[in-house]
């Protein structure tokens, strides 16, 4: 992959294209020949929705109606991260999260 220096306006165009693509960050980077590290760094600097923070956490939002009655905890251990979730999480939302992490 050849490195390309992008201006702030070019990164904003890339990030806008990503937002409407419906793809995960990893899939978008692969499809467009963009380095993931550069993409997430630019996303943190120039905008985007849920952005990986410098602490390694990813911000995720959810609606109240995505919770089901239960008091258990879910722990997902993946090769690149560990995720702790409320056991009341809607299975459909959880499946969408897993698809995003797998991409």
C-alpha atoms as a PDB file:
ATOM      1  CA  UNK A   1       0.000   0.000   0.000  1.00  0.00           C
ATOM      2  CA  UNK A   2       1.512   3.330  -0.994  1.00  0.00           C
ATOM      3  CA  UNK A   3       1.305   6.125   1.524  1.00  0.00           C
ATOM      4  CA  UNK A   4      -0.665   9.209   0.578  1.00  0.00           C
ATOM      5  CA  UNK A   5      -0.583  12.427   2.541  1.00  0.00           C
ATOM      6  CA  UNK A   6      -4.035  13.949   2.780  1.00  0.00           C
ATOM      7  CA  UNK A   7      -5.012  17.491   3.651  1.00  0.00           C
ATOM      8  CA  UNK A   8      -7.614  18.205   6.332  1.00  0.00           C
ATOM      9  CA  UNK A   9     -10.254  18.772   3.643  1.00  0.00           C
ATOM     10  CA  UNK A  10      -9.329  15.478   1.943  1.00  0.00           C
ATOM     11  CA  UNK A  11      -9.652  13.637   5.257  1.00  0.00           C
ATOM     12  CA  UNK A  12     -13.039  15.238   5.844  1.00  0.00           C
ATOM     13  CA  UNK A  13     -14.156  14.017   2.405  1.00  0.00           C
ATOM     14  CA  UNK A  14     -12.891  10.505   3.239  1.00  0.00           C
ATOM     15  CA  UNK A  15     -14.686  10.583   6.607  1.00  0.00           C
ATOM     16  CA  UNK A  16     -17.908  11.783   4.973  1.00  0.00           C
ATOM     17  CA  UNK A  17     -17.689   8.942   2.462  1.00  0.00           C
ATOM     18  CA  UNK A  18     -17.130   6.514   5.326  1.00  0.00           C
ATOM     19  CA  UNK A  19     -20.168   7.781   7.254  1.00  0.00           C
ATOM     20  CA  UNK A  20     -22.500   7.141   4.307  1.00  0.00           C
ATOM     21  CA  UNK A  21     -20.840   3.864   3.294  1.00  0.00           C
ATOM     22  CA  UNK A  22     -22.452   1.758   6.004  1.00  0.00           C
ATOM     23  CA  UNK A  23     -19.193  -0.185   6.315  1.00  0.00           C
ATOM     24  CA  UNK A  24     -17.096  -0.816   9.378  1.00  0.00           C
ATOM     25  CA  UNK A  25     -13.895   1.196   9.619  1.00  0.00           C
ATOM     26  CA  UNK A  26     -11.784  -1.855   8.808  1.00  0.00           C
ATOM     27  CA  UNK A  27     -13.868  -2.798   5.750  1.00  0.00           C
ATOM     28  CA  UNK A  28     -13.887   0.802   4.495  1.00  0.00           C
ATOM     29  CA  UNK A  29     -10.107   1.082   4.835  1.00  0.00           C
ATOM     30  CA  UNK A  30      -9.551  -2.201   2.984  1.00  0.00           C
ATOM     31  CA  UNK A  31     -11.949  -1.250   0.188  1.00  0.00           C
ATOM     32  CA  UNK A  32     -10.341   2.169  -0.278  1.00  0.00           C
ATOM     33  CA  UNK A  33      -6.682   1.333   0.287  1.00  0.00           C
ATOM     34  CA  UNK A  34      -6.428   3.460   3.421  1.00  0.00           C
ATOM     35  CA  UNK A  35      -4.198   2.538   6.364  1.00  0.00           C
ATOM     36  CA  UNK A  36      -6.340   1.800   9.416  1.00  0.00           C
ATOM     37  CA  UNK A  37      -4.023   3.593  11.817  1.00  0.00           C
ATOM     38  CA  UNK A  38      -4.073   6.742   9.661  1.00  0.00           C
ATOM     39  CA  UNK A  39      -7.840   6.506   9.223  1.00  0.00           C
ATOM     40  CA  UNK A  40      -8.598   6.257  12.949  1.00  0.00           C
ATOM     41  CA  UNK A  41      -6.074   8.973  13.785  1.00  0.00           C
ATOM     42  CA  UNK A  42      -7.719  11.298  11.231  1.00  0.00           C
ATOM     43  CA  UNK A  43     -11.154  10.334  12.460  1.00  0.00           C
ATOM     44  CA  UNK A  44     -10.174  11.307  15.986  1.00  0.00           C
ATOM     45  CA  UNK A  45      -8.708  14.630  14.831  1.00  0.00           C
ATOM     46  CA  UNK A  46     -11.189  15.724  12.171  1.00  0.00           C
ATOM     47  CA  UNK A  47     -14.513  14.210  13.129  1.00  0.00           C
ATOM     48  CA  UNK A  48     -16.693  11.173  12.923  1.00  0.00           C
ATOM     49  CA  UNK A  49     -19.130   9.378  15.164  1.00  0.00           C
ATOM     50  CA  UNK A  50     -17.846   6.731  17.569  1.00  0.00           C
ATOM     51  CA  UNK A  51     -14.102   7.288  17.599  1.00  0.00           C
ATOM     52  CA  UNK A  52     -11.513   5.111  19.233  1.00  0.00           C
ATOM     53  CA  UNK A  53     -10.015   7.123  22.060  1.00  0.00           C
ATOM     54  CA  UNK A  54      -6.392   7.274  23.082  1.00  0.00           C
ATOM     55  CA  UNK A  55      -7.242   5.037  26.038  1.00  0.00           C
ATOM     56  CA  UNK A  56      -8.169   2.195  23.674  1.00  0.00           C
ATOM     57  CA  UNK A  57     -11.893   2.388  24.399  1.00  0.00           C
ATOM     58  CA  UNK A  58     -14.523   2.794  21.713  1.00  0.00           C
ATOM     59  CA  UNK A  59     -17.556   4.949  22.423  1.00  0.00           C
ATOM     60  CA  UNK A  60     -20.815   3.087  21.706  1.00  0.00           C
ATOM     61  CA  UNK A  61     -24.286   4.524  22.106  1.00  0.00           C
ATOM     62  CA  UNK A  62     -27.518   2.595  22.492  1.00  0.00           C
ATOM     63  CA  UNK A  63     -31.206   3.294  22.801  1.00  0.00           C
ATOM     64  CA  UNK A  64     -33.074   2.349  25.980  1.00  0.00           C
ATOM     65  CA  UNK A  65     -35.351  -0.024  24.067  1.00  0.00           C
ATOM     66  CA  UNK A  66     -32.336  -2.185  23.195  1.00  0.00           C
ATOM     67  CA  UNK A  67     -32.306  -3.580  26.731  1.00  0.00           C
ATOM     68  CA  UNK A  68     -34.012  -6.834  27.666  1.00  0.00           C
ATOM     69  CA  UNK A  69     -34.952  -7.948  31.198  1.00  0.00           C
ATOM     70  CA  UNK A  70     -31.920  -9.697  32.737  1.00  0.00           C
ATOM     71  CA  UNK A  71     -29.236  -8.982  35.284  1.00  0.00           C
ATOM     72  CA  UNK A  72     -26.354 -10.975  33.806  1.00  0.00           C
ATOM     73  CA  UNK A  73     -23.117  -9.675  32.286  1.00  0.00           C
ATOM     74  CA  UNK A  74     -21.641 -10.602  28.910  1.00  0.00           C
ATOM     75  CA  UNK A  75     -17.892 -10.657  28.363  1.00  0.00           C
ATOM     76  CA  UNK A  76     -16.553 -11.032  24.834  1.00  0.00           C
ATOM     77  CA  UNK A  77     -12.876 -11.875  24.510  1.00  0.00           C
ATOM     78  CA  UNK A  78     -11.643 -11.244  20.997  1.00  0.00           C
ATOM     79  CA  UNK A  79      -8.109 -11.334  19.564  1.00  0.00           C
ATOM     80  CA  UNK A  80      -7.802  -7.549  19.564  1.00  0.00           C
ATOM     81  CA  UNK A  81     -10.072  -6.479  22.431  1.00  0.00           C
ATOM     82  CA  UNK A  82     -12.190  -7.441  25.423  1.00  0.00           C
ATOM     83  CA  UNK A  83     -15.801  -6.194  25.580  1.00  0.00           C
ATOM     84  CA  UNK A  84     -17.996  -6.094  28.688  1.00  0.00           C
ATOM     85  CA  UNK A  85     -21.736  -5.680  28.094  1.00  0.00           C
ATOM     86  CA  UNK A  86     -24.891  -5.528  30.126  1.00  0.00           C
ATOM     87  CA  UNK A  87     -26.660  -8.888  29.838  1.00  0.00           C
ATOM     88  CA  UNK A  88     -29.895  -7.111  28.979  1.00  0.00           C
ATOM     89  CA  UNK A  89     -28.478  -6.095  25.587  1.00  0.00           C
ATOM     90  CA  UNK A  90     -30.735  -6.827  22.624  1.00  0.00           C
ATOM     91  CA  UNK A  91     -29.392  -9.833  20.655  1.00  0.00           C
ATOM     92  CA  UNK A  92     -29.880  -8.005  17.347  1.00  0.00           C
ATOM     93  CA  UNK A  93     -27.749  -5.058  18.524  1.00  0.00           C
ATOM     94  CA  UNK A  94     -25.143  -7.479  19.849  1.00  0.00           C
ATOM     95  CA  UNK A  95     -25.051  -9.301  16.498  1.00  0.00           C
ATOM     96  CA  UNK A  96     -24.505  -5.965  14.702  1.00  0.00           C
ATOM     97  CA  UNK A  97     -21.654  -5.150  17.103  1.00  0.00           C
ATOM     98  CA  UNK A  98     -20.008  -8.537  16.502  1.00  0.00           C
ATOM     99  CA  UNK A  99     -20.297  -8.104  12.726  1.00  0.00           C
ATOM    100  CA  UNK A 100     -18.594  -4.710  13.020  1.00  0.00           C
ATOM    101  CA  UNK A 101     -15.785  -6.137  15.144  1.00  0.00           C
ATOM    102  CA  UNK A 102     -15.283  -9.085  12.781  1.00  0.00           C
ATOM    103  CA  UNK A 103     -14.981  -6.920   9.650  1.00  0.00           C
END
